[in-house]
């Protein structure tokens, strides 16, 4: 098994990012907390095995916070998501961010467990937030994992003050 490496995205990656976001998110537009993000224009990181991209994380930096906009691993159970999350959290800490946060949805219990293992906690539940999100991006499906209705946004956060990162 080859080692996984992580590198910052650059302009040469934009077509690939657009393709991944279209395949996994229904397009490059991603909605969080009532804002539309052009995911293919955001900074981020890619995970590589033998120079082949196998993971993507995009984020936005605002004031002293870093919001993770998207996370995708194209090969499960290799630590790709963990490596990408560790990289962005270390980057955020180096920029003196006080928190890294993200949005997932009520149907995605797998994501909640994954982020909790990394030290994130549920900061808020925004009930019925997908009603507004669908006005901004009508292609967001009604049903998610296991046929569960996608209704609520779950805001998760990792506070970085005095926290050692792996």
Protein backbone atom coordinates (compact mmCIF):
# COMPACT_ATOMS: atom_id res chain seq x y z
CA UNK A 1 0.00 0.00 0.00
CA UNK A 2 1.35 3.40 -0.96
CA UNK A 3 1.44 6.26 1.48
CA UNK A 4 -1.14 9.02 1.36
CA UNK A 5 0.18 12.57 1.01
CA UNK A 6 -1.65 15.88 1.23
CA UNK A 7 -1.04 18.99 -0.89
CA UNK A 8 -2.71 22.38 -1.20
CA UNK A 9 -5.00 22.89 -4.18
CA UNK A 10 -3.78 25.12 -6.97
CA UNK A 11 -5.33 26.54 -10.14
CA UNK A 12 -4.46 23.40 -12.11
CA UNK A 13 -6.83 21.45 -9.84
CA UNK A 14 -9.95 23.54 -10.52
CA UNK A 15 -11.43 21.30 -13.24
CA UNK A 16 -10.90 18.21 -11.07
CA UNK A 17 -12.47 19.97 -8.05
CA UNK A 18 -15.48 20.96 -10.18
CA UNK A 19 -15.85 17.33 -11.32
CA UNK A 20 -15.67 15.90 -7.79
CA UNK A 21 -18.13 18.47 -6.42
CA UNK A 22 -20.51 17.78 -9.32
CA UNK A 23 -20.34 14.03 -8.71
CA UNK A 24 -20.69 14.20 -4.93
CA UNK A 25 -22.54 17.46 -4.26
CA UNK A 26 -24.66 17.92 -7.39
CA UNK A 27 -22.52 20.82 -8.63
CA UNK A 28 -19.81 23.18 -7.45
CA UNK A 29 -22.29 25.28 -5.45
CA UNK A 30 -22.49 24.25 -1.81
CA UNK A 31 -24.93 25.82 0.64
CA UNK A 32 -24.15 26.24 4.35
CA UNK A 33 -26.03 28.42 6.83
CA UNK A 34 -27.89 30.26 4.06
CA UNK A 35 -24.78 31.09 2.01
CA UNK A 36 -23.86 29.70 -1.41
CA UNK A 37 -20.18 28.85 -1.79
CA UNK A 38 -18.53 28.27 -5.16
CA UNK A 39 -16.64 25.21 -4.03
CA UNK A 40 -14.48 25.00 -7.11
CA UNK A 41 -13.07 28.48 -6.35
CA UNK A 42 -12.25 27.88 -2.68
CA UNK A 43 -8.88 27.05 -1.19
CA UNK A 44 -8.40 23.50 -0.08
CA UNK A 45 -6.31 20.37 0.08
CA UNK A 46 -6.13 17.19 -1.95
CA UNK A 47 -5.03 13.76 -0.79
CA UNK A 48 -2.82 11.78 -3.16
CA UNK A 49 -1.75 8.17 -3.53
CA UNK A 50 0.96 7.67 -6.17
CA UNK A 51 0.18 11.18 -7.49
CA UNK A 52 -3.48 10.26 -8.04
CA UNK A 53 -5.99 12.47 -6.22
CA UNK A 54 -8.14 10.39 -3.86
CA UNK A 55 -9.53 13.03 -1.50
CA UNK A 56 -10.67 16.65 -1.43
CA UNK A 57 -11.32 19.20 1.28
CA UNK A 58 -12.39 22.80 0.63
CA UNK A 59 -12.64 25.53 3.23
CA UNK A 60 -13.21 29.22 3.74
CA UNK A 61 -11.29 31.41 6.16
CA UNK A 62 -13.20 34.28 7.74
CA UNK A 63 -11.90 36.47 10.56
CA UNK A 64 -10.54 33.98 13.08
CA UNK A 65 -12.59 30.99 11.95
CA UNK A 66 -12.18 28.31 9.33
CA UNK A 67 -15.31 26.73 7.86
CA UNK A 68 -14.89 23.40 6.14
CA UNK A 69 -17.16 23.51 3.10
CA UNK A 70 -16.66 20.05 1.62
CA UNK A 71 -14.87 16.81 2.40
CA UNK A 72 -14.71 13.83 0.06
CA UNK A 73 -12.70 10.64 0.20
CA UNK A 74 -12.77 8.50 -2.91
CA UNK A 75 -11.27 5.52 -1.06
CA UNK A 76 -12.74 4.61 2.29
CA UNK A 77 -10.92 3.34 5.36
CA UNK A 78 -7.44 4.55 4.39
CA UNK A 79 -7.38 7.58 6.70
CA UNK A 80 -7.81 10.04 3.83
CA UNK A 81 -10.54 12.08 5.50
CA UNK A 82 -8.64 12.13 8.78
CA UNK A 83 -5.47 13.32 7.06
CA UNK A 84 -7.32 16.10 5.24
CA UNK A 85 -9.06 17.20 8.44
CA UNK A 86 -5.81 17.15 10.42
CA UNK A 87 -4.11 19.21 7.71
CA UNK A 88 -6.80 21.91 7.65
CA UNK A 89 -7.00 22.06 11.46
CA UNK A 90 -3.22 22.46 11.73
CA UNK A 91 -3.31 25.12 9.00
CA UNK A 92 -6.12 26.93 10.85
CA UNK A 93 -4.19 26.79 14.13
CA UNK A 94 -1.13 28.25 12.40
CA UNK A 95 -3.33 31.17 11.23
CA UNK A 96 -4.51 31.67 14.83
CA UNK A 97 -8.07 30.59 14.12
CA UNK A 98 -9.98 29.98 17.31
CA UNK A 99 -12.37 27.48 15.76
CA UNK A 100 -12.83 25.15 12.82
CA UNK A 101 -16.44 24.40 12.03
CA UNK A 102 -18.62 22.69 9.46
CA UNK A 103 -22.17 21.81 8.58
CA UNK A 104 -23.53 18.33 8.04
CA UNK A 105 -27.15 17.23 7.83
CA UNK A 106 -29.43 15.25 10.10
CA UNK A 107 -29.37 12.17 7.84
CA UNK A 108 -25.58 11.79 7.96
CA UNK A 109 -24.92 10.00 11.25
CA UNK A 110 -21.72 8.56 9.76
CA UNK A 111 -20.30 12.08 9.38
CA UNK A 112 -21.31 13.08 12.91
CA UNK A 113 -19.47 10.05 14.33
CA UNK A 114 -16.42 10.70 12.13
CA UNK A 115 -16.14 14.35 13.23
CA UNK A 116 -16.74 13.49 16.89
CA UNK A 117 -13.83 11.00 16.75
CA UNK A 118 -11.66 13.91 15.59
CA UNK A 119 -12.69 16.00 18.61
CA UNK A 120 -15.47 18.05 17.04
CA UNK A 121 -18.67 18.60 19.03
CA UNK A 122 -22.18 19.54 18.05
CA UNK A 123 -22.40 23.32 18.49
CA UNK A 124 -25.93 23.86 17.16
CA UNK A 125 -28.78 22.22 15.33
CA UNK A 126 -30.46 24.50 12.82
CA UNK A 127 -33.91 23.02 12.49
CA UNK A 128 -35.53 23.00 9.05
CA UNK A 129 -32.56 24.88 7.56
CA UNK A 130 -32.81 22.86 4.36
CA UNK A 131 -36.06 24.64 3.48
CA UNK A 132 -34.01 27.79 2.90
CA UNK A 133 -31.04 25.93 1.41
CA UNK A 134 -33.24 24.40 -1.28
CA UNK A 135 -34.37 27.89 -2.31
CA UNK A 136 -30.71 28.66 -3.03
CA UNK A 137 -29.92 25.25 -4.54
CA UNK A 138 -33.08 23.42 -5.62
CA UNK A 139 -31.14 20.28 -6.56
CA UNK A 140 -30.55 19.37 -2.89
CA UNK A 141 -32.38 16.04 -2.52
CA UNK A 142 -35.26 15.55 -0.12
CA UNK A 143 -33.99 12.18 1.06
CA UNK A 144 -30.48 11.34 2.20
CA UNK A 145 -28.74 8.37 3.74
CA UNK A 146 -31.01 5.40 4.50
CA UNK A 147 -34.00 7.23 3.03
CA UNK A 148 -34.02 9.81 5.86
CA UNK A 149 -35.57 13.17 5.07
CA UNK A 150 -32.88 15.87 4.99
CA UNK A 151 -34.24 18.73 7.13
CA UNK A 152 -31.74 20.09 9.62
CA UNK A 153 -28.20 21.40 9.53
CA UNK A 154 -25.92 20.17 12.28
CA UNK A 155 -23.16 22.64 13.07
CA UNK A 156 -20.04 20.98 14.46
CA UNK A 157 -16.98 22.74 15.80
CA UNK A 158 -13.49 22.18 17.08
CA UNK A 159 -12.15 24.92 19.34
CA UNK A 160 -8.43 25.33 18.73
CA UNK A 161 -7.27 27.31 21.75
CA UNK A 162 -4.60 25.38 23.62
CA UNK A 163 -5.40 22.23 21.72
CA UNK A 164 -2.56 20.04 20.47
CA UNK A 165 -3.23 18.69 17.00
CA UNK A 166 -1.92 15.45 15.58
